[in-house]
Full PDB file with SEQRES, HELIX, SHEET, SSBOND, CRYST1, ORIGX, SCALE, CONECT and MASTER records, all heavy atoms in Angstrom:
SEQRES   1 A   43  ALA VAL LEU GLN MET LEU SER HIS GLY LEU ILE ALA ALA          
SEQRES   2 A   43  ALA LEU PHE PHE LEU ALA GLY VAL THR TYR ASP ARG THR          
SEQRES   3 A   43  HIS THR LEU MET MET ASP GLU MET GLY GLY ILE ALA LYS          
SEQRES   4 A   43  ILE MET PRO LYS                                              
HELIX    1 AA1 VAL A    2  THR A   26  1                                  25    
HELIX    2 AA2 MET A   31  GLU A   33  5                                   3    
HELIX    3 AA3 ILE A   37  ILE A   40  1                                   4    
CRYST1    1.000    1.000    1.000  90.00  90.00  90.00 P 1           1          
ORIGX1      1.000000  0.000000  0.000000        0.00000                         
ORIGX2      0.000000  1.000000  0.000000        0.00000                         
ORIGX3      0.000000  0.000000  1.000000        0.00000                         
SCALE1      1.000000  0.000000  0.000000        0.00000                         
SCALE2      0.000000  1.000000  0.000000        0.00000                         
SCALE3      0.000000  0.000000  1.000000        0.00000                         
ATOM      1  N   ALA A   1       0.827  -1.235  -0.025  1.00  0.00           N  
ATOM      2  CA  ALA A   1      -0.045  -0.017  -0.015  1.00  0.00           C  
ATOM      3  C   ALA A   1       0.886   1.237   0.021  1.00  0.00           C  
ATOM      4  O   ALA A   1       0.581   2.219  -0.727  1.00  0.00           O  
ATOM      5  CB  ALA A   1      -0.955  -0.036   1.191  1.00  0.00           C  
ATOM      6  N   VAL A   2       1.910   1.299   0.838  1.00  0.00           N  
ATOM      7  CA  VAL A   2       2.831   2.480   0.794  1.00  0.00           C  
ATOM      8  C   VAL A   2       3.602   2.533  -0.397  1.00  0.00           C  
ATOM      9  O   VAL A   2       3.748   3.684  -0.956  1.00  0.00           O  
ATOM     10  CB  VAL A   2       3.828   2.347   2.051  1.00  0.00           C  
ATOM     11  CG1 VAL A   2       4.772   3.553   2.075  1.00  0.00           C  
ATOM     12  CG2 VAL A   2       3.110   2.256   3.369  1.00  0.00           C  
ATOM     13  N   LEU A   3       4.014   1.488  -1.002  1.00  0.00           N  
ATOM     14  CA  LEU A   3       4.693   1.459  -2.271  1.00  0.00           C  
ATOM     15  C   LEU A   3       3.730   1.953  -3.408  1.00  0.00           C  
ATOM     16  O   LEU A   3       4.189   2.643  -4.332  1.00  0.00           O  
ATOM     17  CB  LEU A   3       5.302   0.115  -2.666  1.00  0.00           C  
ATOM     18  CG  LEU A   3       6.161   0.070  -3.929  1.00  0.00           C  
ATOM     19  CD1 LEU A   3       7.311   1.099  -3.817  1.00  0.00           C  
ATOM     20  CD2 LEU A   3       6.668  -1.435  -4.132  1.00  0.00           C  
ATOM     21  N   GLN A   4       2.509   1.568  -3.344  1.00  0.00           N  
ATOM     22  CA  GLN A   4       1.533   2.040  -4.250  1.00  0.00           C  
ATOM     23  C   GLN A   4       1.377   3.552  -4.217  1.00  0.00           C  
ATOM     24  O   GLN A   4       1.183   4.197  -5.295  1.00  0.00           O  
ATOM     25  CB  GLN A   4       0.197   1.401  -4.093  1.00  0.00           C  
ATOM     26  CG  GLN A   4      -0.846   1.783  -5.050  1.00  0.00           C  
ATOM     27  CD  GLN A   4      -0.801   1.201  -6.406  1.00  0.00           C  
ATOM     28  OE1 GLN A   4       0.258   0.696  -6.815  1.00  0.00           O  
ATOM     29  NE2 GLN A   4      -1.839   1.237  -7.148  1.00  0.00           N  
ATOM     30  N   MET A   5       1.422   4.144  -3.057  1.00  0.00           N  
ATOM     31  CA  MET A   5       1.313   5.570  -2.891  1.00  0.00           C  
ATOM     32  C   MET A   5       2.466   6.180  -3.633  1.00  0.00           C  
ATOM     33  O   MET A   5       2.277   7.204  -4.364  1.00  0.00           O  
ATOM     34  CB  MET A   5       1.301   6.014  -1.473  1.00  0.00           C  
ATOM     35  CG  MET A   5      -0.022   5.730  -0.798  1.00  0.00           C  
ATOM     36  SD  MET A   5      -0.198   6.524   0.811  1.00  0.00           S  
ATOM     37  CE  MET A   5       0.629   5.360   1.894  1.00  0.00           C  
ATOM     38  N   LEU A   6       3.682   5.676  -3.391  1.00  0.00           N  
ATOM     39  CA  LEU A   6       4.887   6.327  -3.960  1.00  0.00           C  
ATOM     40  C   LEU A   6       4.884   6.030  -5.574  1.00  0.00           C  
ATOM     41  O   LEU A   6       5.221   7.001  -6.340  1.00  0.00           O  
ATOM     42  CB  LEU A   6       6.093   5.726  -3.429  1.00  0.00           C  
ATOM     43  CG  LEU A   6       6.356   5.930  -1.900  1.00  0.00           C  
ATOM     44  CD1 LEU A   6       7.564   5.025  -1.425  1.00  0.00           C  
ATOM     45  CD2 LEU A   6       6.491   7.360  -1.557  1.00  0.00           C  
ATOM     46  N   SER A   7       4.598   4.825  -5.978  1.00  0.00           N  
ATOM     47  CA  SER A   7       4.592   4.475  -7.333  1.00  0.00           C  
ATOM     48  C   SER A   7       3.569   5.328  -8.151  1.00  0.00           C  
ATOM     49  O   SER A   7       3.793   5.874  -9.213  1.00  0.00           O  
ATOM     50  CB  SER A   7       4.388   2.895  -7.522  1.00  0.00           C  
ATOM     51  OG  SER A   7       4.145   2.686  -8.752  1.00  0.00           O  
ATOM     52  N   HIS A   8       2.327   5.313  -7.671  1.00  0.00           N  
ATOM     53  CA  HIS A   8       1.269   6.060  -8.339  1.00  0.00           C  
ATOM     54  C   HIS A   8       1.519   7.493  -8.384  1.00  0.00           C  
ATOM     55  O   HIS A   8       1.197   8.169  -9.353  1.00  0.00           O  
ATOM     56  CB  HIS A   8      -0.082   5.790  -7.668  1.00  0.00           C  
ATOM     57  CG  HIS A   8      -1.260   6.483  -8.377  1.00  0.00           C  
ATOM     58  ND1 HIS A   8      -1.617   7.717  -8.004  1.00  0.00           N  
ATOM     59  CD2 HIS A   8      -1.962   6.161  -9.484  1.00  0.00           C  
ATOM     60  CE1 HIS A   8      -2.699   8.150  -8.771  1.00  0.00           C  
ATOM     61  NE2 HIS A   8      -2.842   7.189  -9.658  1.00  0.00           N  
ATOM     62  N   GLY A   9       2.178   8.026  -7.358  1.00  0.00           N  
ATOM     63  CA  GLY A   9       2.488   9.496  -7.362  1.00  0.00           C  
ATOM     64  C   GLY A   9       3.391   9.742  -8.536  1.00  0.00           C  
ATOM     65  O   GLY A   9       3.187  10.782  -9.264  1.00  0.00           O  
ATOM     66  N   LEU A  10       4.357   8.943  -8.797  1.00  0.00           N  
ATOM     67  CA  LEU A  10       5.303   9.152  -9.957  1.00  0.00           C  
ATOM     68  C   LEU A  10       4.626   8.995 -11.263  1.00  0.00           C  
ATOM     69  O   LEU A  10       4.731   9.772 -12.174  1.00  0.00           O  
ATOM     70  CB  LEU A  10       6.540   8.236  -9.786  1.00  0.00           C  
ATOM     71  CG  LEU A  10       7.427   8.438  -8.560  1.00  0.00           C  
ATOM     72  CD1 LEU A  10       8.427   7.220  -8.466  1.00  0.00           C  
ATOM     73  CD2 LEU A  10       8.232   9.699  -8.708  1.00  0.00           C  
ATOM     74  N   ILE A  11       3.866   7.854 -11.399  1.00  0.00           N  
ATOM     75  CA  ILE A  11       3.186   7.443 -12.604  1.00  0.00           C  
ATOM     76  C   ILE A  11       2.166   8.456 -13.006  1.00  0.00           C  
ATOM     77  O   ILE A  11       2.156   8.958 -14.178  1.00  0.00           O  
ATOM     78  CB  ILE A  11       2.633   6.014 -12.544  1.00  0.00           C  
ATOM     79  CG1 ILE A  11       3.732   5.062 -12.395  1.00  0.00           C  
ATOM     80  CG2 ILE A  11       1.801   5.700 -13.793  1.00  0.00           C  
ATOM     81  CD1 ILE A  11       3.265   3.581 -12.050  1.00  0.00           C  
ATOM     82  N   ALA A  12       1.307   8.788 -12.040  1.00  0.00           N  
ATOM     83  CA  ALA A  12       0.209   9.775 -12.366  1.00  0.00           C  
ATOM     84  C   ALA A  12       0.738  11.139 -12.762  1.00  0.00           C  
ATOM     85  O   ALA A  12       0.313  11.860 -13.653  1.00  0.00           O  
ATOM     86  CB  ALA A  12      -0.754   9.852 -11.217  1.00  0.00           C  
ATOM     87  N   ALA A  13       1.827  11.588 -12.081  1.00  0.00           N  
ATOM     88  CA  ALA A  13       2.315  12.897 -12.400  1.00  0.00           C  
ATOM     89  C   ALA A  13       2.902  12.853 -13.824  1.00  0.00           C  
ATOM     90  O   ALA A  13       2.712  13.831 -14.557  1.00  0.00           O  
ATOM     91  CB  ALA A  13       3.423  13.185 -11.420  1.00  0.00           C  
ATOM     92  N   ALA A  14       3.572  11.732 -14.172  1.00  0.00           N  
ATOM     93  CA  ALA A  14       4.088  11.672 -15.553  1.00  0.00           C  
ATOM     94  C   ALA A  14       2.925  11.657 -16.603  1.00  0.00           C  
ATOM     95  O   ALA A  14       2.992  12.296 -17.704  1.00  0.00           O  
ATOM     96  CB  ALA A  14       4.905  10.375 -15.754  1.00  0.00           C  
ATOM     97  N   LEU A  15       1.798  10.941 -16.348  1.00  0.00           N  
ATOM     98  CA  LEU A  15       0.754  10.856 -17.275  1.00  0.00           C  
ATOM     99  C   LEU A  15       0.030  12.136 -17.499  1.00  0.00           C  
ATOM    100  O   LEU A  15      -0.236  12.633 -18.599  1.00  0.00           O  
ATOM    101  CB  LEU A  15      -0.268   9.741 -16.805  1.00  0.00           C  
ATOM    102  CG  LEU A  15       0.176   8.352 -17.045  1.00  0.00           C  
ATOM    103  CD1 LEU A  15      -0.801   7.372 -16.318  1.00  0.00           C  
ATOM    104  CD2 LEU A  15       0.218   7.992 -18.480  1.00  0.00           C  
ATOM    105  N   PHE A  16      -0.212  12.826 -16.375  1.00  0.00           N  
ATOM    106  CA  PHE A  16      -0.888  14.119 -16.455  1.00  0.00           C  
ATOM    107  C   PHE A  16      -0.001  15.225 -17.141  1.00  0.00           C  
ATOM    108  O   PHE A  16      -0.526  16.093 -17.854  1.00  0.00           O  
ATOM    109  CB  PHE A  16      -1.367  14.603 -15.129  1.00  0.00           C  
ATOM    110  CG  PHE A  16      -2.642  14.002 -14.629  1.00  0.00           C  
ATOM    111  CD1 PHE A  16      -2.667  13.012 -13.664  1.00  0.00           C  
ATOM    112  CD2 PHE A  16      -3.874  14.345 -15.241  1.00  0.00           C  
ATOM    113  CE1 PHE A  16      -3.881  12.364 -13.293  1.00  0.00           C  
ATOM    114  CE2 PHE A  16      -5.062  13.783 -14.890  1.00  0.00           C  
ATOM    115  CZ  PHE A  16      -5.067  12.723 -13.922  1.00  0.00           C  
ATOM    116  N   PHE A  17       1.243  15.161 -16.839  1.00  0.00           N  
ATOM    117  CA  PHE A  17       2.238  16.057 -17.477  1.00  0.00           C  
ATOM    118  C   PHE A  17       2.114  15.873 -18.978  1.00  0.00           C  
ATOM    119  O   PHE A  17       2.132  16.798 -19.718  1.00  0.00           O  
ATOM    120  CB  PHE A  17       3.601  15.972 -16.932  1.00  0.00           C  
ATOM    121  CG  PHE A  17       4.654  16.676 -17.692  1.00  0.00           C  
ATOM    122  CD1 PHE A  17       4.649  18.070 -17.750  1.00  0.00           C  
ATOM    123  CD2 PHE A  17       5.599  15.948 -18.480  1.00  0.00           C  
ATOM    124  CE1 PHE A  17       5.589  18.823 -18.494  1.00  0.00           C  
ATOM    125  CE2 PHE A  17       6.499  16.673 -19.170  1.00  0.00           C  
ATOM    126  CZ  PHE A  17       6.548  18.052 -19.226  1.00  0.00           C  
ATOM    127  N   LEU A  18       2.340  14.616 -19.445  1.00  0.00           N  
ATOM    128  CA  LEU A  18       2.311  14.297 -20.837  1.00  0.00           C  
ATOM    129  C   LEU A  18       0.987  14.638 -21.562  1.00  0.00           C  
ATOM    130  O   LEU A  18       0.930  14.986 -22.691  1.00  0.00           O  
ATOM    131  CB  LEU A  18       2.788  12.932 -21.018  1.00  0.00           C  
ATOM    132  CG  LEU A  18       4.242  12.618 -20.705  1.00  0.00           C  
ATOM    133  CD1 LEU A  18       4.493  11.108 -20.654  1.00  0.00           C  
ATOM    134  CD2 LEU A  18       5.187  13.313 -21.636  1.00  0.00           C  
ATOM    135  N   ALA A  19      -0.108  14.428 -20.733  1.00  0.00           N  
ATOM    136  CA  ALA A  19      -1.427  14.831 -21.268  1.00  0.00           C  
ATOM    137  C   ALA A  19      -1.363  16.327 -21.515  1.00  0.00           C  
ATOM    138  O   ALA A  19      -1.958  16.779 -22.551  1.00  0.00           O  
ATOM    139  CB  ALA A  19      -2.490  14.432 -20.308  1.00  0.00           C  
ATOM    140  N   GLY A  20      -0.759  17.105 -20.635  1.00  0.00           N  
ATOM    141  CA  GLY A  20      -0.662  18.577 -20.878  1.00  0.00           C  
ATOM    142  C   GLY A  20       0.213  18.888 -22.114  1.00  0.00           C  
ATOM    143  O   GLY A  20      -0.055  19.867 -22.747  1.00  0.00           O  
ATOM    144  N   VAL A  21       1.264  18.106 -22.282  1.00  0.00           N  
ATOM    145  CA  VAL A  21       2.167  18.300 -23.408  1.00  0.00           C  
ATOM    146  C   VAL A  21       1.328  18.167 -24.664  1.00  0.00           C  
ATOM    147  O   VAL A  21       1.434  18.924 -25.645  1.00  0.00           O  
ATOM    148  CB  VAL A  21       3.363  17.375 -23.342  1.00  0.00           C  
ATOM    149  CG1 VAL A  21       4.196  17.435 -24.675  1.00  0.00           C  
ATOM    150  CG2 VAL A  21       4.259  17.731 -22.235  1.00  0.00           C  
ATOM    151  N   THR A  22       0.499  17.042 -24.722  1.00  0.00           N  
ATOM    152  CA  THR A  22      -0.289  16.748 -25.851  1.00  0.00           C  
ATOM    153  C   THR A  22      -1.346  17.881 -26.057  1.00  0.00           C  
ATOM    154  O   THR A  22      -1.572  18.288 -27.245  1.00  0.00           O  
ATOM    155  CB  THR A  22      -1.017  15.475 -25.643  1.00  0.00           C  
ATOM    156  OG1 THR A  22       0.006  14.426 -25.396  1.00  0.00           O  
ATOM    157  CG2 THR A  22      -1.819  15.071 -26.859  1.00  0.00           C  
ATOM    158  N   TYR A  23      -1.931  18.370 -25.010  1.00  0.00           N  
ATOM    159  CA  TYR A  23      -2.929  19.365 -25.183  1.00  0.00           C  
ATOM    160  C   TYR A  23      -2.366  20.710 -25.708  1.00  0.00           C  
ATOM    161  O   TYR A  23      -2.937  21.381 -26.459  1.00  0.00           O  
ATOM    162  CB  TYR A  23      -3.602  19.654 -23.798  1.00  0.00           C  
ATOM    163  CG  TYR A  23      -4.563  20.856 -23.795  1.00  0.00           C  
ATOM    164  CD1 TYR A  23      -5.774  20.673 -24.310  1.00  0.00           C  
ATOM    165  CD2 TYR A  23      -4.224  22.089 -23.257  1.00  0.00           C  
ATOM    166  CE1 TYR A  23      -6.776  21.759 -24.325  1.00  0.00           C  
ATOM    167  CE2 TYR A  23      -5.075  23.114 -23.294  1.00  0.00           C  
ATOM    168  CZ  TYR A  23      -6.352  22.977 -23.786  1.00  0.00           C  
ATOM    169  OH  TYR A  23      -7.227  24.001 -23.883  1.00  0.00           O  
ATOM    170  N   ASP A  24      -1.100  21.017 -25.307  1.00  0.00           N  
ATOM    171  CA  ASP A  24      -0.471  22.232 -25.820  1.00  0.00           C  
ATOM    172  C   ASP A  24      -0.278  22.215 -27.285  1.00  0.00           C  
ATOM    173  O   ASP A  24      -0.244  23.249 -27.898  1.00  0.00           O  
ATOM    174  CB  ASP A  24       0.914  22.315 -25.131  1.00  0.00           C  
ATOM    175  CG  ASP A  24       0.795  22.814 -23.619  1.00  0.00           C  
ATOM    176  OD1 ASP A  24      -0.246  23.203 -23.265  1.00  0.00           O  
ATOM    177  OD2 ASP A  24       1.858  22.537 -22.952  1.00  0.00           O  
ATOM    178  N   ARG A  25      -0.156  20.952 -27.880  1.00  0.00           N  
ATOM    179  CA  ARG A  25       0.004  20.914 -29.332  1.00  0.00           C  
ATOM    180  C   ARG A  25      -1.376  20.824 -30.065  1.00  0.00           C  
ATOM    181  O   ARG A  25      -1.495  21.322 -31.133  1.00  0.00           O  
ATOM    182  CB  ARG A  25       0.856  19.650 -29.693  1.00  0.00           C  
ATOM    183  CG  ARG A  25       2.413  19.905 -29.622  1.00  0.00           C  
ATOM    184  CD  ARG A  25       2.894  20.154 -28.304  1.00  0.00           C  
ATOM    185  NE  ARG A  25       4.367  20.189 -28.268  1.00  0.00           N  
ATOM    186  CZ  ARG A  25       5.053  20.421 -27.151  1.00  0.00           C  
ATOM    187  NH1 ARG A  25       4.500  20.559 -26.007  1.00  0.00           N  
ATOM    188  NH2 ARG A  25       6.338  20.466 -27.219  1.00  0.00           N  
ATOM    189  N   THR A  26      -2.266  19.986 -29.494  1.00  0.00           N  
ATOM    190  CA  THR A  26      -3.449  19.698 -30.176  1.00  0.00           C  
ATOM    191  C   THR A  26      -4.611  20.645 -29.780  1.00  0.00           C  
ATOM    192  O   THR A  26      -5.621  20.752 -30.509  1.00  0.00           O  
ATOM    193  CB  THR A  26      -3.936  18.233 -29.906  1.00  0.00           C  
ATOM    194  OG1 THR A  26      -4.192  18.184 -28.494  1.00  0.00           O  
ATOM    195  CG2 THR A  26      -2.858  17.235 -30.262  1.00  0.00           C  
ATOM    196  N   HIS A  27      -4.512  21.320 -28.620  1.00  0.00           N  
ATOM    197  CA  HIS A  27      -5.513  22.228 -28.178  1.00  0.00           C  
ATOM    198  C   HIS A  27      -6.917  21.494 -27.950  1.00  0.00           C  
ATOM    199  O   HIS A  27      -7.901  22.104 -28.042  1.00  0.00           O  
ATOM    200  CB  HIS A  27      -5.763  23.369 -29.086  1.00  0.00           C  
ATOM    201  CG  HIS A  27      -4.460  24.070 -29.468  1.00  0.00           C  
ATOM    202  ND1 HIS A  27      -3.721  24.763 -28.509  1.00  0.00           N  
ATOM    203  CD2 HIS A  27      -3.757  24.057 -30.637  1.00  0.00           C  
ATOM    204  CE1 HIS A  27      -2.520  25.274 -29.088  1.00  0.00           C  
ATOM    205  NE2 HIS A  27      -2.598  24.879 -30.419  1.00  0.00           N  
ATOM    206  N   THR A  28      -6.787  20.182 -27.650  1.00  0.00           N  
ATOM    207  CA  THR A  28      -8.074  19.472 -27.264  1.00  0.00           C  
ATOM    208  C   THR A  28      -7.693  18.344 -26.396  1.00  0.00           C  
ATOM    209  O   THR A  28      -6.445  17.799 -26.436  1.00  0.00           O  
ATOM    210  CB  THR A  28      -8.716  18.902 -28.521  1.00  0.00           C  
ATOM    211  OG1 THR A  28      -9.911  18.167 -28.082  1.00  0.00           O  
ATOM    212  CG2 THR A  28      -7.859  17.955 -29.294  1.00  0.00           C  
ATOM    213  N   LEU A  29      -8.547  17.931 -25.462  1.00  0.00           N  
ATOM    214  CA  LEU A  29      -8.405  16.743 -24.722  1.00  0.00           C  
ATOM    215  C   LEU A  29      -9.335  15.613 -25.052  1.00  0.00           C  
ATOM    216  O   LEU A  29      -9.282  14.516 -24.417  1.00  0.00           O  
ATOM    217  CB  LEU A  29      -8.725  17.136 -23.222  1.00  0.00           C  
ATOM    218  CG  LEU A  29      -7.665  18.008 -22.449  1.00  0.00           C  
ATOM    219  CD1 LEU A  29      -8.178  18.480 -21.108  1.00  0.00           C  
ATOM    220  CD2 LEU A  29      -6.318  17.276 -22.318  1.00  0.00           C  
ATOM    221  N   MET A  30     -10.151  15.770 -26.082  1.00  0.00           N  
ATOM    222  CA  MET A  30     -11.038  14.797 -26.616  1.00  0.00           C  
ATOM    223  C   MET A  30     -10.285  13.861 -27.447  1.00  0.00           C  
ATOM    224  O   MET A  30      -9.802  14.184 -28.525  1.00  0.00           O  
ATOM    225  CB  MET A  30     -12.209  15.438 -27.225  1.00  0.00           C  
ATOM    226  CG  MET A  30     -12.971  16.372 -26.476  1.00  0.00           C  
ATOM    227  SD  MET A  30     -13.513  15.783 -24.847  1.00  0.00           S  
ATOM    228  CE  MET A  30     -14.618  14.463 -25.323  1.00  0.00           C  
ATOM    229  N   MET A  31     -10.177  12.505 -27.027  1.00  0.00           N  
ATOM    230  CA  MET A  31      -9.396  11.536 -27.760  1.00  0.00           C  
ATOM    231  C   MET A  31      -9.993  11.226 -29.153  1.00  0.00           C  
ATOM    232  O   MET A  31      -9.331  10.882 -30.038  1.00  0.00           O  
ATOM    233  CB  MET A  31      -9.261  10.342 -26.894  1.00  0.00           C  
ATOM    234  CG  MET A  31      -8.410  10.528 -25.710  1.00  0.00           C  
ATOM    235  SD  MET A  31      -8.167   9.037 -24.733  1.00  0.00           S  
ATOM    236  CE  MET A  31      -9.804   8.797 -24.004  1.00  0.00           C  
ATOM    237  N   ASP A  32     -11.310  11.354 -29.228  1.00  0.00           N  
ATOM    238  CA  ASP A  32     -11.880  11.068 -30.563  1.00  0.00           C  
ATOM    239  C   ASP A  32     -11.704  12.123 -31.586  1.00  0.00           C  
ATOM    240  O   ASP A  32     -11.987  11.986 -32.701  1.00  0.00           O  
ATOM    241  CB  ASP A  32     -13.475  10.810 -30.447  1.00  0.00           C  
ATOM    242  CG  ASP A  32     -14.123  11.947 -29.687  1.00  0.00           C  
ATOM    243  OD1 ASP A  32     -13.467  12.972 -29.290  1.00  0.00           O  
ATOM    244  OD2 ASP A  32     -15.375  11.923 -29.545  1.00  0.00           O  
ATOM    245  N   GLU A  33     -11.039  13.274 -31.142  1.00  0.00           N  
ATOM    246  CA  GLU A  33     -10.650  14.336 -32.050  1.00  0.00           C  
ATOM    247  C   GLU A  33      -9.162  14.300 -32.393  1.00  0.00           C  
ATOM    248  O   GLU A  33      -8.655  15.031 -33.226  1.00  0.00           O  
ATOM    249  CB  GLU A  33     -10.993  15.651 -31.460  1.00  0.00           C  
ATOM    250  CG  GLU A  33     -12.414  15.920 -31.155  1.00  0.00           C  
ATOM    251  CD  GLU A  33     -12.756  17.225 -30.521  1.00  0.00           C  
ATOM    252  OE1 GLU A  33     -11.699  17.964 -30.199  1.00  0.00           O  
ATOM    253  OE2 GLU A  33     -13.938  17.535 -30.201  1.00  0.00           O  
ATOM    254  N   MET A  34      -8.473  13.282 -31.759  1.00  0.00           N  
ATOM    255  CA  MET A  34      -7.035  13.103 -32.077  1.00  0.00           C  
ATOM    256  C   MET A  34      -6.806  12.018 -33.071  1.00  0.00           C  
ATOM    257  O   MET A  34      -7.727  11.475 -33.721  1.00  0.00           O  
ATOM    258  CB  MET A  34      -6.329  12.902 -30.698  1.00  0.00           C  
ATOM    259  CG  MET A  34      -6.470  14.006 -29.699  1.00  0.00           C  
ATOM    260  SD  MET A  34      -5.478  13.645 -28.254  1.00  0.00           S  
ATOM    261  CE  MET A  34      -6.116  14.866 -27.035  1.00  0.00           C  
ATOM    262  N   GLY A  35      -5.568  11.478 -33.071  1.00  0.00           N  
ATOM    263  CA  GLY A  35      -5.175  10.428 -33.989  1.00  0.00           C  
ATOM    264  C   GLY A  35      -3.878  10.769 -34.737  1.00  0.00           C  
ATOM    265  O   GLY A  35      -3.734  11.849 -35.181  1.00  0.00           O  
ATOM    266  N   GLY A  36      -3.062   9.758 -34.847  1.00  0.00           N  
ATOM    267  CA  GLY A  36      -1.845   9.875 -35.667  1.00  0.00           C  
ATOM    268  C   GLY A  36      -0.803  10.825 -35.077  1.00  0.00           C  
ATOM    269  O   GLY A  36       0.132  11.223 -35.856  1.00  0.00           O  
ATOM    270  N   ILE A  37      -0.948  11.152 -33.825  1.00  0.00           N  
ATOM    271  CA  ILE A  37       0.046  12.153 -33.261  1.00  0.00           C  
ATOM    272  C   ILE A  37       1.412  11.611 -33.187  1.00  0.00           C  
ATOM    273  O   ILE A  37       2.418  12.375 -33.126  1.00  0.00           O  
ATOM    274  CB  ILE A  37      -0.524  12.701 -31.920  1.00  0.00           C  
ATOM    275  CG1 ILE A  37      -1.789  13.309 -32.056  1.00  0.00           C  
ATOM    276  CG2 ILE A  37       0.476  13.655 -31.275  1.00  0.00           C  
ATOM    277  CD1 ILE A  37      -2.453  13.865 -30.815  1.00  0.00           C  
ATOM    278  N   ALA A  38       1.575  10.258 -33.132  1.00  0.00           N  
ATOM    279  CA  ALA A  38       2.895   9.666 -32.999  1.00  0.00           C  
ATOM    280  C   ALA A  38       3.866  10.143 -34.147  1.00  0.00           C  
ATOM    281  O   ALA A  38       5.012  10.242 -33.954  1.00  0.00           O  
ATOM    282  CB  ALA A  38       2.814   8.166 -32.923  1.00  0.00           C  
ATOM    283  N   LYS A  39       3.297  10.292 -35.231  1.00  0.00           N  
ATOM    284  CA  LYS A  39       4.186  10.739 -36.461  1.00  0.00           C  
ATOM    285  C   LYS A  39       4.714  12.141 -36.285  1.00  0.00           C  
ATOM    286  O   LYS A  39       5.728  12.386 -36.766  1.00  0.00           O  
ATOM    287  CB  LYS A  39       3.267  10.702 -37.708  1.00  0.00           C  
ATOM    288  CG  LYS A  39       2.779   9.340 -38.071  1.00  0.00           C  
ATOM    289  CD  LYS A  39       1.867   9.235 -39.352  1.00  0.00           C  
ATOM    290  CE  LYS A  39       1.399   7.874 -39.631  1.00  0.00           C  
ATOM    291  NZ  LYS A  39       0.464   7.900 -40.822  1.00  0.00           N  
ATOM    292  N   ILE A  40       3.883  13.007 -35.538  1.00  0.00           N  
ATOM    293  CA  ILE A  40       4.333  14.324 -35.341  1.00  0.00           C  
ATOM    294  C   ILE A  40       5.081  14.582 -34.026  1.00  0.00           C  
ATOM    295  O   ILE A  40       5.942  15.341 -34.028  1.00  0.00           O  
ATOM    296  CB  ILE A  40       3.085  15.281 -35.367  1.00  0.00           C  
ATOM    297  CG1 ILE A  40       2.305  15.001 -36.680  1.00  0.00           C  
ATOM    298  CG2 ILE A  40       3.442  16.796 -35.258  1.00  0.00           C  
ATOM    299  CD1 ILE A  40       0.902  15.652 -36.628  1.00  0.00           C  
ATOM    300  N   MET A  41       4.892  13.756 -33.026  1.00  0.00           N  
ATOM    301  CA  MET A  41       5.435  13.812 -31.728  1.00  0.00           C  
ATOM    302  C   MET A  41       5.931  12.551 -31.286  1.00  0.00           C  
ATOM    303  O   MET A  41       5.477  11.941 -30.320  1.00  0.00           O  
ATOM    304  CB  MET A  41       4.263  14.406 -30.759  1.00  0.00           C  
ATOM    305  CG  MET A  41       3.633  15.718 -31.116  1.00  0.00           C  
ATOM    306  SD  MET A  41       2.227  16.038 -30.106  1.00  0.00           S  
ATOM    307  CE  MET A  41       2.957  16.043 -28.446  1.00  0.00           C  
ATOM    308  N   PRO A  42       6.986  12.015 -31.920  1.00  0.00           N  
ATOM    309  CA  PRO A  42       7.477  10.668 -31.515  1.00  0.00           C  
ATOM    310  C   PRO A  42       8.064  10.620 -30.065  1.00  0.00           C  
ATOM    311  O   PRO A  42       7.884   9.619 -29.457  1.00  0.00           O  
ATOM    312  CB  PRO A  42       8.573  10.426 -32.558  1.00  0.00           C  
ATOM    313  CG  PRO A  42       8.959  11.761 -33.058  1.00  0.00           C  
ATOM    314  CD  PRO A  42       7.752  12.598 -33.011  1.00  0.00           C  
ATOM    315  N   LYS A  43       8.723  11.672 -29.629  1.00  0.00           N  
ATOM    316  CA  LYS A  43       9.170  11.701 -28.267  1.00  0.00           C  
ATOM    317  C   LYS A  43       8.109  11.643 -27.256  1.00  0.00           C  
ATOM    318  O   LYS A  43       8.160  10.866 -26.267  1.00  0.00           O  
ATOM    319  CB  LYS A  43      10.111  12.935 -28.057  1.00  0.00           C  
ATOM    320  CG  LYS A  43      11.303  12.999 -28.876  1.00  0.00           C  
ATOM    321  CD  LYS A  43      12.172  14.211 -28.616  1.00  0.00           C  
ATOM    322  CE  LYS A  43      13.350  14.386 -29.540  1.00  0.00           C  
ATOM    323  NZ  LYS A  43      14.030  15.628 -29.329  1.00  0.00           N  
TER     324      LYS A  43                                                      
MASTER        0    0    0    3    0    0    0    6  323    1    0    4          
END                                                                             
């Protein structure tokens, strides 16, 4: 349980940060409006 707190803290922070990175480029959070972004944003 304690390790889950530490682990999820790191993982969730990474996911939400990268969601923000994606939003900065696409200007949307709706996944059905996205697609093919890997070709433009491989990193």
